[in-house]
Amino acid sequence: MKRIRIIFLFVLVSSFPMNAQSVSSDNIRTEIIKFCSRVSSIDCDFVQTKVSTLLTDALVSTGHMTYRKPGYLEWSYMEPDHVTIIADGDSVAIAKGNVIEALNGNQSRMVRELTRMIISNLEGSFLTNDKMFKAEFALTDGFIIATLFPQKRDYKKMWSRLVLYYDQISKNATRFEMFEASGDMTYITFSNIKNGFSE
């Protein structure tokens, strides 16, 4: 489940652009919401790295993410294991090779809740909900950096903060850092980002 939580939180930031002329929180929120209302699809590659004091070496995974409005998400690990998580509406499944297994019970309810949260974030509503995350913004070395502090008790148990890096030129998120309450860290870098836009 820890891997699934990492997977879904990534989608918060997979491809949000914003204007770098100002780091005003209100301006940034407005830009993200406007952009997300126009996005119909997102495709990108990713490299995910997990660093832990319990591990001798970092765990590195590579893969591809696909999002299609409304509410369809695929997060595919290519290396070291080939596993795809598929979310479509309220249904969530894991595909391994030609075998697709639907998630049931408590695990399914948790993943569906995370999926609903992520889909709403893809649509830009996460920055309007201060009950989930409080956001602070800074401009450093060509990046707009958004630091999100969890507000919900369940989130606080998992993360101390989430940090997003937006490239000022491409206007896309290129890095996502997750600092866990345990002291561990996971970061994801994104490449080959392709956005589809509605008319």
N, C-alpha and C. Protein backbone atom coordinates (compact mmCIF):
# COMPACT_ATOMS: atom_id res chain seq x y z
N MET A 1 0.82 -1.20 0.00
CA MET A 1 0.00 0.00 0.00
C MET A 1 0.86 1.25 0.00
N LYS A 2 2.07 1.18 0.58
CA LYS A 2 2.93 2.36 0.59
C LYS A 2 3.26 2.76 -0.84
N ARG A 3 3.55 1.76 -1.69
CA ARG A 3 3.86 2.07 -3.08
C ARG A 3 2.66 2.70 -3.77
N ILE A 4 1.45 2.19 -3.48
CA ILE A 4 0.25 2.76 -4.08
C ILE A 4 0.06 4.20 -3.65
N ARG A 5 0.30 4.50 -2.37
CA ARG A 5 0.16 5.88 -1.91
C ARG A 5 1.14 6.79 -2.64
N ILE A 6 2.37 6.31 -2.85
CA ILE A 6 3.37 7.10 -3.58
C ILE A 6 2.90 7.33 -5.00
N ILE A 7 2.40 6.29 -5.62
CA ILE A 7 1.92 6.38 -6.99
C ILE A 7 0.87 7.47 -7.13
N PHE A 8 -0.16 7.42 -6.32
CA PHE A 8 -1.27 8.32 -6.53
C PHE A 8 -0.94 9.75 -6.17
N LEU A 9 -0.11 9.95 -5.16
CA LEU A 9 0.22 11.34 -4.84
C LEU A 9 1.03 11.99 -5.94
N PHE A 10 1.76 11.21 -6.70
CA PHE A 10 2.50 11.78 -7.82
C PHE A 10 1.61 12.57 -8.76
N VAL A 11 0.39 12.07 -8.97
CA VAL A 11 -0.46 12.67 -9.98
C VAL A 11 -0.86 14.10 -9.64
N LEU A 12 -0.78 14.47 -8.41
CA LEU A 12 -1.06 15.85 -8.03
C LEU A 12 -0.30 16.83 -8.91
N VAL A 13 0.90 16.42 -9.32
CA VAL A 13 1.80 17.41 -9.91
C VAL A 13 2.35 16.98 -11.24
N SER A 14 1.73 16.03 -11.86
CA SER A 14 2.36 15.45 -13.03
C SER A 14 2.60 16.44 -14.15
N SER A 15 1.78 17.50 -14.26
CA SER A 15 2.01 18.39 -15.39
C SER A 15 1.30 19.71 -15.26
N PHE A 16 1.36 20.37 -14.11
CA PHE A 16 0.72 21.65 -13.93
C PHE A 16 1.65 22.77 -14.35
N PRO A 17 1.27 23.63 -15.32
CA PRO A 17 2.10 24.76 -15.65
C PRO A 17 1.61 26.00 -14.93
N MET A 18 2.45 27.02 -14.88
CA MET A 18 2.05 28.28 -14.29
C MET A 18 2.97 29.37 -14.80
N ASN A 19 2.51 30.61 -14.76
CA ASN A 19 3.34 31.73 -15.16
C ASN A 19 4.31 32.06 -14.05
N ALA A 20 5.58 32.35 -14.43
CA ALA A 20 6.61 32.61 -13.44
C ALA A 20 6.79 34.09 -13.19
N GLN A 21 5.90 34.93 -13.69
CA GLN A 21 6.03 36.36 -13.51
C GLN A 21 5.81 36.75 -12.06
N SER A 22 5.10 35.96 -11.33
CA SER A 22 4.79 36.27 -9.95
C SER A 22 4.71 34.99 -9.16
N VAL A 23 5.12 35.04 -7.89
CA VAL A 23 4.96 33.87 -7.04
C VAL A 23 3.86 34.11 -6.01
N SER A 24 2.97 35.02 -6.31
CA SER A 24 1.82 35.24 -5.46
C SER A 24 0.99 33.96 -5.41
N SER A 25 0.64 33.54 -4.21
CA SER A 25 -0.15 32.32 -4.06
C SER A 25 -1.45 32.40 -4.84
N ASP A 26 -2.13 33.53 -4.77
CA ASP A 26 -3.40 33.68 -5.47
C ASP A 26 -3.21 33.56 -6.97
N ASN A 27 -2.17 34.19 -7.51
CA ASN A 27 -1.91 34.12 -8.96
C ASN A 27 -1.60 32.70 -9.39
N ILE A 28 -0.79 32.00 -8.61
CA ILE A 28 -0.42 30.63 -8.96
C ILE A 28 -1.64 29.72 -8.91
N ARG A 29 -2.42 29.83 -7.88
CA ARG A 29 -3.64 29.02 -7.79
C ARG A 29 -4.53 29.24 -9.00
N THR A 30 -4.71 30.49 -9.39
CA THR A 30 -5.56 30.82 -10.53
C THR A 30 -5.01 30.21 -11.81
N GLU A 31 -3.70 30.32 -12.01
CA GLU A 31 -3.09 29.77 -13.23
C GLU A 31 -3.26 28.26 -13.30
N ILE A 32 -3.07 27.57 -12.20
CA ILE A 32 -3.21 26.11 -12.20
C ILE A 32 -4.64 25.69 -12.51
N ILE A 33 -5.58 26.34 -11.88
CA ILE A 33 -6.99 25.99 -12.11
C ILE A 33 -7.38 26.23 -13.56
N LYS A 34 -6.94 27.34 -14.14
CA LYS A 34 -7.23 27.64 -15.55
C LYS A 34 -6.64 26.57 -16.45
N PHE A 35 -5.39 26.21 -16.18
CA PHE A 35 -4.73 25.21 -17.01
C PHE A 35 -5.43 23.85 -16.92
N CYS A 36 -5.70 23.42 -15.69
CA CYS A 36 -6.30 22.10 -15.50
C CYS A 36 -7.67 21.98 -16.15
N SER A 37 -8.39 23.08 -16.23
CA SER A 37 -9.70 23.04 -16.86
C SER A 37 -9.59 22.77 -18.35
N ARG A 38 -8.41 23.04 -18.93
CA ARG A 38 -8.21 22.83 -20.37
C ARG A 38 -7.55 21.50 -20.70
N VAL A 39 -6.91 20.87 -19.70
CA VAL A 39 -6.18 19.63 -19.96
C VAL A 39 -7.14 18.46 -20.12
N SER A 40 -6.98 17.73 -21.22
CA SER A 40 -7.81 16.54 -21.45
C SER A 40 -7.00 15.26 -21.29
N SER A 41 -5.66 15.35 -21.36
CA SER A 41 -4.82 14.16 -21.21
C SER A 41 -3.41 14.55 -20.80
N ILE A 42 -2.73 13.63 -20.12
CA ILE A 42 -1.34 13.80 -19.74
C ILE A 42 -0.63 12.47 -19.97
N ASP A 43 0.52 12.53 -20.65
CA ASP A 43 1.39 11.36 -20.81
C ASP A 43 2.81 11.78 -20.45
N CYS A 44 3.51 10.98 -19.65
CA CYS A 44 4.90 11.30 -19.33
C CYS A 44 5.62 10.05 -18.82
N ASP A 45 6.95 10.09 -18.90
CA ASP A 45 7.79 9.06 -18.30
C ASP A 45 8.23 9.53 -16.92
N PHE A 46 8.61 8.59 -16.07
CA PHE A 46 9.06 8.99 -14.73
C PHE A 46 10.17 8.08 -14.24
N VAL A 47 10.97 8.62 -13.33
CA VAL A 47 11.95 7.83 -12.56
C VAL A 47 11.64 8.09 -11.09
N GLN A 48 11.37 7.05 -10.35
CA GLN A 48 11.01 7.16 -8.94
C GLN A 48 12.14 6.57 -8.09
N THR A 49 12.61 7.34 -7.10
CA THR A 49 13.71 6.91 -6.24
C THR A 49 13.28 6.98 -4.78
N LYS A 50 13.48 5.88 -4.08
CA LYS A 50 13.14 5.79 -2.66
C LYS A 50 14.43 5.71 -1.86
N VAL A 51 14.60 6.65 -0.90
CA VAL A 51 15.78 6.68 -0.04
C VAL A 51 15.33 6.44 1.40
N SER A 52 15.94 5.46 2.05
CA SER A 52 15.54 5.12 3.41
C SER A 52 16.77 4.74 4.24
N THR A 53 16.73 5.08 5.52
CA THR A 53 17.81 4.70 6.42
C THR A 53 17.85 3.19 6.61
N LEU A 54 16.77 2.50 6.27
CA LEU A 54 16.70 1.05 6.41
C LEU A 54 17.26 0.32 5.20
N LEU A 55 17.59 1.07 4.14
CA LEU A 55 18.08 0.47 2.90
C LEU A 55 19.53 0.85 2.66
N THR A 56 20.31 -0.12 2.20
CA THR A 56 21.71 0.16 1.85
C THR A 56 21.79 1.01 0.62
N ASP A 57 20.99 0.68 -0.40
CA ASP A 57 20.96 1.42 -1.65
C ASP A 57 19.56 1.96 -1.90
N ALA A 58 19.50 3.04 -2.65
CA ALA A 58 18.20 3.59 -3.02
C ALA A 58 17.47 2.63 -3.95
N LEU A 59 16.13 2.62 -3.84
CA LEU A 59 15.30 1.82 -4.74
C LEU A 59 14.86 2.69 -5.91
N VAL A 60 15.21 2.28 -7.12
CA VAL A 60 14.91 3.08 -8.31
C VAL A 60 13.96 2.31 -9.21
N SER A 61 12.86 2.98 -9.61
CA SER A 61 11.89 2.40 -10.54
C SER A 61 11.67 3.37 -11.68
N THR A 62 11.38 2.84 -12.86
CA THR A 62 11.06 3.69 -14.00
C THR A 62 9.71 3.27 -14.57
N GLY A 63 9.05 4.20 -15.26
CA GLY A 63 7.75 3.86 -15.83
C GLY A 63 7.12 4.97 -16.62
N HIS A 64 5.82 4.83 -16.84
CA HIS A 64 5.06 5.77 -17.66
C HIS A 64 3.69 6.00 -17.03
N MET A 65 3.22 7.25 -17.09
CA MET A 65 1.90 7.59 -16.59
C MET A 65 1.01 8.10 -17.71
N THR A 66 -0.24 7.68 -17.68
CA THR A 66 -1.24 8.15 -18.64
C THR A 66 -2.48 8.59 -17.89
N TYR A 67 -2.97 9.79 -18.19
CA TYR A 67 -4.22 10.29 -17.62
C TYR A 67 -5.13 10.75 -18.75
N ARG A 68 -6.40 10.36 -18.67
CA ARG A 68 -7.39 10.80 -19.65
C ARG A 68 -8.62 11.30 -18.89
N LYS A 69 -9.04 12.48 -19.22
CA LYS A 69 -10.25 13.03 -18.61
C LYS A 69 -11.47 12.39 -19.26
N PRO A 70 -12.48 12.01 -18.49
CA PRO A 70 -12.60 12.22 -17.04
C PRO A 70 -12.25 10.97 -16.25
N GLY A 71 -11.31 11.08 -15.36
CA GLY A 71 -11.10 10.07 -14.33
C GLY A 71 -10.40 8.78 -14.69
N TYR A 72 -9.65 8.73 -15.81
CA TYR A 72 -8.93 7.50 -16.16
C TYR A 72 -7.44 7.70 -15.93
N LEU A 73 -6.81 6.78 -15.18
CA LEU A 73 -5.40 6.90 -14.84
C LEU A 73 -4.70 5.55 -14.93
N GLU A 74 -3.54 5.54 -15.58
CA GLU A 74 -2.67 4.36 -15.59
C GLU A 74 -1.30 4.78 -15.09
N TRP A 75 -0.80 4.06 -14.09
CA TRP A 75 0.56 4.28 -13.60
C TRP A 75 1.31 2.96 -13.81
N SER A 76 2.22 2.96 -14.78
CA SER A 76 2.88 1.72 -15.20
C SER A 76 4.35 1.71 -14.82
N TYR A 77 4.71 0.77 -13.95
CA TYR A 77 6.13 0.53 -13.66
C TYR A 77 6.69 -0.37 -14.76
N MET A 78 7.83 0.03 -15.32
CA MET A 78 8.49 -0.78 -16.35
C MET A 78 9.67 -1.56 -15.76
N GLU A 79 10.44 -0.93 -14.88
CA GLU A 79 11.59 -1.53 -14.24
C GLU A 79 11.58 -1.15 -12.76
N PRO A 80 11.98 -2.03 -11.85
CA PRO A 80 12.46 -3.39 -12.09
C PRO A 80 11.34 -4.40 -12.34
N ASP A 81 10.10 -4.08 -11.96
CA ASP A 81 8.98 -4.98 -12.20
C ASP A 81 7.98 -4.31 -13.12
N HIS A 82 7.29 -5.11 -13.91
CA HIS A 82 6.28 -4.56 -14.81
C HIS A 82 4.91 -4.73 -14.15
N VAL A 83 4.42 -3.64 -13.57
CA VAL A 83 3.13 -3.63 -12.87
C VAL A 83 2.41 -2.34 -13.23
N THR A 84 1.11 -2.42 -13.52
CA THR A 84 0.33 -1.24 -13.87
C THR A 84 -0.87 -1.13 -12.94
N ILE A 85 -1.06 0.04 -12.38
CA ILE A 85 -2.27 0.33 -11.60
C ILE A 85 -3.21 1.12 -12.49
N ILE A 86 -4.45 0.65 -12.61
CA ILE A 86 -5.44 1.25 -13.49
C ILE A 86 -6.62 1.73 -12.65
N ALA A 87 -6.92 3.02 -12.76
CA ALA A 87 -8.07 3.59 -12.06
C ALA A 87 -9.01 4.19 -13.09
N ASP A 88 -10.28 3.79 -13.03
CA ASP A 88 -11.28 4.29 -13.97
C ASP A 88 -12.58 4.48 -13.21
N GLY A 89 -12.88 5.74 -12.88
CA GLY A 89 -14.05 6.00 -12.06
C GLY A 89 -13.82 5.44 -10.67
N ASP A 90 -14.76 4.61 -10.18
CA ASP A 90 -14.64 4.02 -8.85
C ASP A 90 -13.90 2.68 -8.86
N SER A 91 -13.57 2.15 -10.02
CA SER A 91 -12.90 0.86 -10.09
C SER A 91 -11.39 1.04 -10.16
N VAL A 92 -10.69 0.17 -9.42
CA VAL A 92 -9.23 0.19 -9.40
C VAL A 92 -8.73 -1.24 -9.55
N ALA A 93 -7.73 -1.44 -10.42
CA ALA A 93 -7.20 -2.77 -10.64
C ALA A 93 -5.68 -2.71 -10.80
N ILE A 94 -5.04 -3.85 -10.59
CA ILE A 94 -3.61 -3.98 -10.80
C ILE A 94 -3.39 -5.03 -11.89
N ALA A 95 -2.59 -4.65 -12.90
CA ALA A 95 -2.30 -5.55 -14.01
C ALA A 95 -0.85 -6.00 -13.93
N LYS A 96 -0.66 -7.33 -13.96
CA LYS A 96 0.67 -7.93 -14.02
C LYS A 96 0.70 -8.87 -15.21
N GLY A 97 1.39 -8.44 -16.25
CA GLY A 97 1.37 -9.22 -17.48
C GLY A 97 -0.03 -9.20 -18.07
N ASN A 98 -0.57 -10.39 -18.36
CA ASN A 98 -1.92 -10.49 -18.92
C ASN A 98 -2.99 -10.66 -17.85
N VAL A 99 -2.59 -10.62 -16.58
CA VAL A 99 -3.52 -10.85 -15.48
C VAL A 99 -3.91 -9.50 -14.86
N ILE A 100 -5.22 -9.22 -14.83
CA ILE A 100 -5.73 -8.00 -14.22
C ILE A 100 -6.57 -8.39 -13.02
N GLU A 101 -6.21 -7.85 -11.86
CA GLU A 101 -6.89 -8.19 -10.61
C GLU A 101 -7.53 -6.94 -10.01
N ALA A 102 -8.83 -6.98 -9.83
CA ALA A 102 -9.54 -5.86 -9.19
C ALA A 102 -9.23 -5.86 -7.71
N LEU A 103 -9.10 -4.66 -7.14
CA LEU A 103 -8.87 -4.53 -5.71
C LEU A 103 -10.20 -4.55 -4.98
N ASN A 104 -10.25 -5.28 -3.88
CA ASN A 104 -11.49 -5.43 -3.13
C ASN A 104 -11.26 -5.11 -1.66
N GLY A 105 -12.35 -4.99 -0.92
CA GLY A 105 -12.29 -4.83 0.52
C GLY A 105 -11.70 -3.50 0.95
N ASN A 106 -11.04 -3.52 2.12
CA ASN A 106 -10.49 -2.30 2.68
C ASN A 106 -9.43 -1.68 1.78
N GLN A 107 -8.62 -2.54 1.16
CA GLN A 107 -7.59 -2.04 0.26
C GLN A 107 -8.22 -1.28 -0.89
N SER A 108 -9.29 -1.82 -1.44
CA SER A 108 -9.98 -1.17 -2.55
C SER A 108 -10.56 0.18 -2.13
N ARG A 109 -11.17 0.23 -0.95
CA ARG A 109 -11.76 1.49 -0.49
C ARG A 109 -10.69 2.57 -0.31
N MET A 110 -9.54 2.18 0.23
CA MET A 110 -8.47 3.14 0.42
C MET A 110 -7.95 3.67 -0.91
N VAL A 111 -7.75 2.75 -1.85
CA VAL A 111 -7.23 3.15 -3.16
C VAL A 111 -8.24 4.00 -3.91
N ARG A 112 -9.53 3.66 -3.82
CA ARG A 112 -10.55 4.47 -4.47
C ARG A 112 -10.58 5.88 -3.90
N GLU A 113 -10.42 5.99 -2.58
CA GLU A 113 -10.40 7.32 -1.95
C GLU A 113 -9.20 8.12 -2.44
N LEU A 114 -8.04 7.47 -2.51
CA LEU A 114 -6.85 8.15 -3.03
C LEU A 114 -7.04 8.54 -4.49
N THR A 115 -7.69 7.65 -5.24
CA THR A 115 -7.93 7.95 -6.65
C THR A 115 -8.82 9.17 -6.81
N ARG A 116 -9.89 9.24 -6.02
CA ARG A 116 -10.77 10.40 -6.09
C ARG A 116 -10.02 11.69 -5.76
N MET A 117 -9.14 11.59 -4.76
CA MET A 117 -8.35 12.76 -4.39
C MET A 117 -7.45 13.19 -5.53
N ILE A 118 -6.80 12.22 -6.18
CA ILE A 118 -5.86 12.55 -7.24
C ILE A 118 -6.57 13.10 -8.46
N ILE A 119 -7.69 12.52 -8.83
CA ILE A 119 -8.43 13.02 -9.98
C ILE A 119 -8.87 14.47 -9.73
N SER A 120 -9.33 14.76 -8.53
CA SER A 120 -9.72 16.13 -8.22
C SER A 120 -8.52 17.05 -8.28
N ASN A 121 -7.35 16.54 -7.91
CA ASN A 121 -6.14 17.35 -7.98
C ASN A 121 -5.73 17.60 -9.43
N LEU A 122 -5.89 16.60 -10.27
CA LEU A 122 -5.59 16.80 -11.69
C LEU A 122 -6.48 17.87 -12.28
N GLU A 123 -7.67 18.00 -11.74
CA GLU A 123 -8.60 19.00 -12.23
C GLU A 123 -8.40 20.35 -11.56
N GLY A 124 -7.37 20.45 -10.70
CA GLY A 124 -6.98 21.74 -10.15
C GLY A 124 -7.60 22.13 -8.84
N SER A 125 -8.39 21.25 -8.23
CA SER A 125 -9.11 21.66 -7.03
C SER A 125 -8.29 21.53 -5.76
N PHE A 126 -7.12 20.88 -5.82
CA PHE A 126 -6.39 20.65 -4.58
C PHE A 126 -5.85 21.93 -3.98
N LEU A 127 -5.58 22.94 -4.79
CA LEU A 127 -5.08 24.20 -4.24
C LEU A 127 -6.19 25.08 -3.70
N THR A 128 -7.41 24.69 -3.93
CA THR A 128 -8.52 25.45 -3.36
C THR A 128 -9.03 24.82 -2.07
N ASN A 129 -8.44 23.69 -1.69
CA ASN A 129 -8.89 22.97 -0.51
C ASN A 129 -7.80 23.01 0.56
N ASP A 130 -7.79 24.04 1.39
CA ASP A 130 -6.79 24.19 2.43
C ASP A 130 -6.92 23.13 3.52
N LYS A 131 -8.01 22.38 3.52
CA LYS A 131 -8.17 21.33 4.51
C LYS A 131 -7.28 20.13 4.19
N MET A 132 -6.83 20.01 2.93
CA MET A 132 -5.95 18.91 2.54
C MET A 132 -4.49 19.31 2.66
N PHE A 133 -4.11 20.44 2.01
CA PHE A 133 -2.73 20.90 2.01
C PHE A 133 -2.68 22.42 2.11
N LYS A 134 -1.73 22.92 2.87
CA LYS A 134 -1.43 24.34 2.89
C LYS A 134 -0.20 24.55 2.02
N ALA A 135 -0.29 25.47 1.04
CA ALA A 135 0.78 25.65 0.07
C ALA A 135 1.56 26.93 0.32
N GLU A 136 2.89 26.82 0.18
CA GLU A 136 3.78 27.98 0.19
C GLU A 136 4.62 27.95 -1.08
N PHE A 137 4.92 29.14 -1.65
CA PHE A 137 5.59 29.22 -2.93
C PHE A 137 6.87 30.04 -2.84
N ALA A 138 7.88 29.65 -3.64
CA ALA A 138 9.14 30.38 -3.70
C ALA A 138 9.68 30.28 -5.12
N LEU A 139 10.53 31.23 -5.49
CA LEU A 139 11.16 31.27 -6.81
C LEU A 139 12.65 31.12 -6.63
N THR A 140 13.25 30.01 -7.14
CA THR A 140 14.66 29.72 -6.93
C THR A 140 15.26 29.02 -8.14
N ASP A 141 16.37 29.58 -8.67
CA ASP A 141 17.17 28.92 -9.71
C ASP A 141 16.33 28.43 -10.89
N GLY A 142 15.45 29.28 -11.38
CA GLY A 142 14.68 28.92 -12.55
C GLY A 142 13.47 28.04 -12.29
N PHE A 143 13.17 27.81 -11.03
CA PHE A 143 12.01 26.98 -10.68
C PHE A 143 11.07 27.75 -9.77
N ILE A 144 9.78 27.50 -9.95
CA ILE A 144 8.80 27.86 -8.94
C ILE A 144 8.66 26.64 -8.06
N ILE A 145 8.88 26.83 -6.77
CA ILE A 145 8.85 25.70 -5.84
C ILE A 145 7.61 25.84 -4.95
N ALA A 146 6.78 24.82 -4.99
CA ALA A 146 5.58 24.79 -4.14
C ALA A 146 5.78 23.75 -3.06
N THR A 147 5.70 24.18 -1.82
CA THR A 147 5.81 23.26 -0.68
C THR A 147 4.43 23.08 -0.08
N LEU A 148 3.98 21.84 -0.02
CA LEU A 148 2.64 21.52 0.48
C LEU A 148 2.76 20.86 1.86
N PHE A 149 2.07 21.43 2.83
CA PHE A 149 2.06 20.89 4.19
C PHE A 149 0.72 20.22 4.45
N PRO A 150 0.72 18.91 4.74
CA PRO A 150 -0.54 18.19 4.97
C PRO A 150 -1.31 18.78 6.14
N GLN A 151 -2.63 18.84 5.98
CA GLN A 151 -3.50 19.35 7.03
C GLN A 151 -4.37 18.26 7.64
N LYS A 152 -4.66 17.22 6.86
CA LYS A 152 -5.47 16.12 7.38
C LYS A 152 -4.62 15.21 8.26
N ARG A 153 -5.23 14.70 9.32
CA ARG A 153 -4.49 13.87 10.27
C ARG A 153 -3.86 12.65 9.60
N ASP A 154 -4.61 11.98 8.71
CA ASP A 154 -4.08 10.80 8.05
C ASP A 154 -2.87 11.14 7.18
N TYR A 155 -2.91 12.29 6.52
CA TYR A 155 -1.78 12.70 5.68
C TYR A 155 -0.56 13.04 6.53
N LYS A 156 -0.80 13.69 7.67
CA LYS A 156 0.31 14.07 8.56
C LYS A 156 1.04 12.84 9.08
N LYS A 157 0.33 11.73 9.23
CA LYS A 157 0.96 10.50 9.68
C LYS A 157 1.91 9.94 8.62
N MET A 158 1.65 10.27 7.35
CA MET A 158 2.47 9.74 6.27
C MET A 158 3.59 10.69 5.85
N TRP A 159 3.28 12.00 5.74
CA TRP A 159 4.25 12.95 5.19
C TRP A 159 4.40 14.18 6.07
N SER A 160 5.61 14.71 6.13
CA SER A 160 5.82 15.99 6.78
C SER A 160 5.62 17.13 5.80
N ARG A 161 5.99 16.90 4.53
CA ARG A 161 5.78 17.90 3.48
C ARG A 161 6.00 17.26 2.13
N LEU A 162 5.43 17.90 1.10
CA LEU A 162 5.61 17.53 -0.30
C LEU A 162 6.15 18.75 -1.01
N VAL A 163 7.14 18.57 -1.88
CA VAL A 163 7.77 19.70 -2.57
C VAL A 163 7.71 19.47 -4.08
N LEU A 164 7.19 20.47 -4.81
CA LEU A 164 7.01 20.38 -6.25
C LEU A 164 7.86 21.42 -6.94
N TYR A 165 8.54 21.02 -8.03
CA TYR A 165 9.39 21.93 -8.80
C TYR A 165 8.79 22.13 -10.19
N TYR A 166 8.48 23.39 -10.52
CA TYR A 166 7.92 23.74 -11.82
C TYR A 166 8.96 24.49 -12.64
N ASP A 167 9.26 24.01 -13.83
CA ASP A 167 10.21 24.68 -14.70
C ASP A 167 9.59 25.97 -15.24
N GLN A 168 10.32 27.09 -15.13
CA GLN A 168 9.76 28.37 -15.55
C GLN A 168 9.60 28.48 -17.06
N ILE A 169 10.41 27.75 -17.81
CA ILE A 169 10.34 27.85 -19.28
C ILE A 169 9.26 26.94 -19.83
N SER A 170 9.32 25.65 -19.47
CA SER A 170 8.35 24.70 -20.02
C SER A 170 7.00 24.79 -19.34
N LYS A 171 6.97 25.37 -18.13
CA LYS A 171 5.76 25.51 -17.33
C LYS A 171 5.22 24.16 -16.85
N ASN A 172 6.06 23.12 -16.85
CA ASN A 172 5.64 21.81 -16.37
C ASN A 172 6.34 21.44 -15.08
N ALA A 173 5.70 20.62 -14.28
CA ALA A 173 6.35 20.07 -13.09
C ALA A 173 7.36 19.03 -13.54
N THR A 174 8.60 19.14 -13.04
CA THR A 174 9.65 18.21 -13.44
C THR A 174 10.18 17.38 -12.29
N ARG A 175 9.81 17.70 -11.07
CA ARG A 175 10.30 16.94 -9.93
C ARG A 175 9.29 17.05 -8.78
N PHE A 176 9.14 15.94 -8.05
CA PHE A 176 8.22 15.86 -6.92
C PHE A 176 8.94 15.15 -5.79
N GLU A 177 9.06 15.80 -4.63
CA GLU A 177 9.72 15.21 -3.48
C GLU A 177 8.71 14.98 -2.37
N MET A 178 8.77 13.78 -1.76
CA MET A 178 7.89 13.44 -0.66
C MET A 178 8.72 13.12 0.57
N PHE A 179 8.59 13.93 1.60
CA PHE A 179 9.30 13.71 2.85
C PHE A 179 8.34 13.03 3.82
N GLU A 180 8.65 11.80 4.16
CA GLU A 180 7.76 11.01 5.00
C GLU A 180 7.97 11.37 6.47
N ALA A 181 6.94 11.15 7.26
CA ALA A 181 7.02 11.42 8.69
C ALA A 181 8.09 10.56 9.35
N SER A 182 8.39 9.40 8.77
CA SER A 182 9.39 8.48 9.30
C SER A 182 10.82 8.98 9.07
N GLY A 183 10.98 9.97 8.18
CA GLY A 183 12.31 10.45 7.84
C GLY A 183 12.78 9.96 6.48
N ASP A 184 12.07 8.99 5.89
CA ASP A 184 12.41 8.52 4.55
C ASP A 184 12.01 9.56 3.51
N MET A 185 12.52 9.41 2.29
CA MET A 185 12.22 10.36 1.22
C MET A 185 12.03 9.61 -0.09
N THR A 186 11.05 10.03 -0.86
CA THR A 186 10.84 9.53 -2.21
C THR A 186 10.78 10.72 -3.15
N TYR A 187 11.50 10.65 -4.26
CA TYR A 187 11.39 11.72 -5.24
C TYR A 187 11.19 11.13 -6.63
N ILE A 188 10.43 11.86 -7.43
CA ILE A 188 10.08 11.43 -8.79
C ILE A 188 10.44 12.54 -9.76
N THR A 189 11.15 12.21 -10.80
CA THR A 189 11.44 13.16 -11.87
C THR A 189 10.66 12.76 -13.11
N PHE A 190 10.15 13.76 -13.85
CA PHE A 190 9.29 13.53 -14.99
C PHE A 190 9.97 14.00 -16.27
N SER A 191 9.73 13.29 -17.36
CA SER A 191 10.30 13.67 -18.66
C SER A 191 9.33 13.32 -19.77
N ASN A 192 9.61 13.86 -20.96
CA ASN A 192 8.78 13.60 -22.14
C ASN A 192 7.29 13.85 -21.85
N ILE A 193 7.02 14.97 -21.20
CA ILE A 193 5.63 15.31 -20.82
C ILE A 193 4.85 15.80 -22.03
N LYS A 194 3.72 15.20 -22.25
CA LYS A 194 2.84 15.60 -23.36
C LYS A 194 1.44 15.82 -22.80
N ASN A 195 0.93 17.03 -23.01
CA ASN A 195 -0.41 17.38 -22.55
C ASN A 195 -1.36 17.50 -23.74
N GLY A 196 -2.56 16.96 -23.58
CA GLY A 196 -3.62 17.19 -24.56
C GLY A 196 -4.58 18.21 -24.00
N PHE A 197 -5.11 19.07 -24.89
CA PHE A 197 -5.98 20.15 -24.43
C PHE A 197 -7.34 20.07 -25.11
N SER A 198 -8.37 20.37 -24.37
CA SER A 198 -9.70 20.45 -24.94
C SER A 198 -9.85 21.77 -25.69
N GLU A 199 -10.78 21.79 -26.60
CA GLU A 199 -11.00 23.01 -27.39
C GLU A 199 -11.63 24.09 -26.55
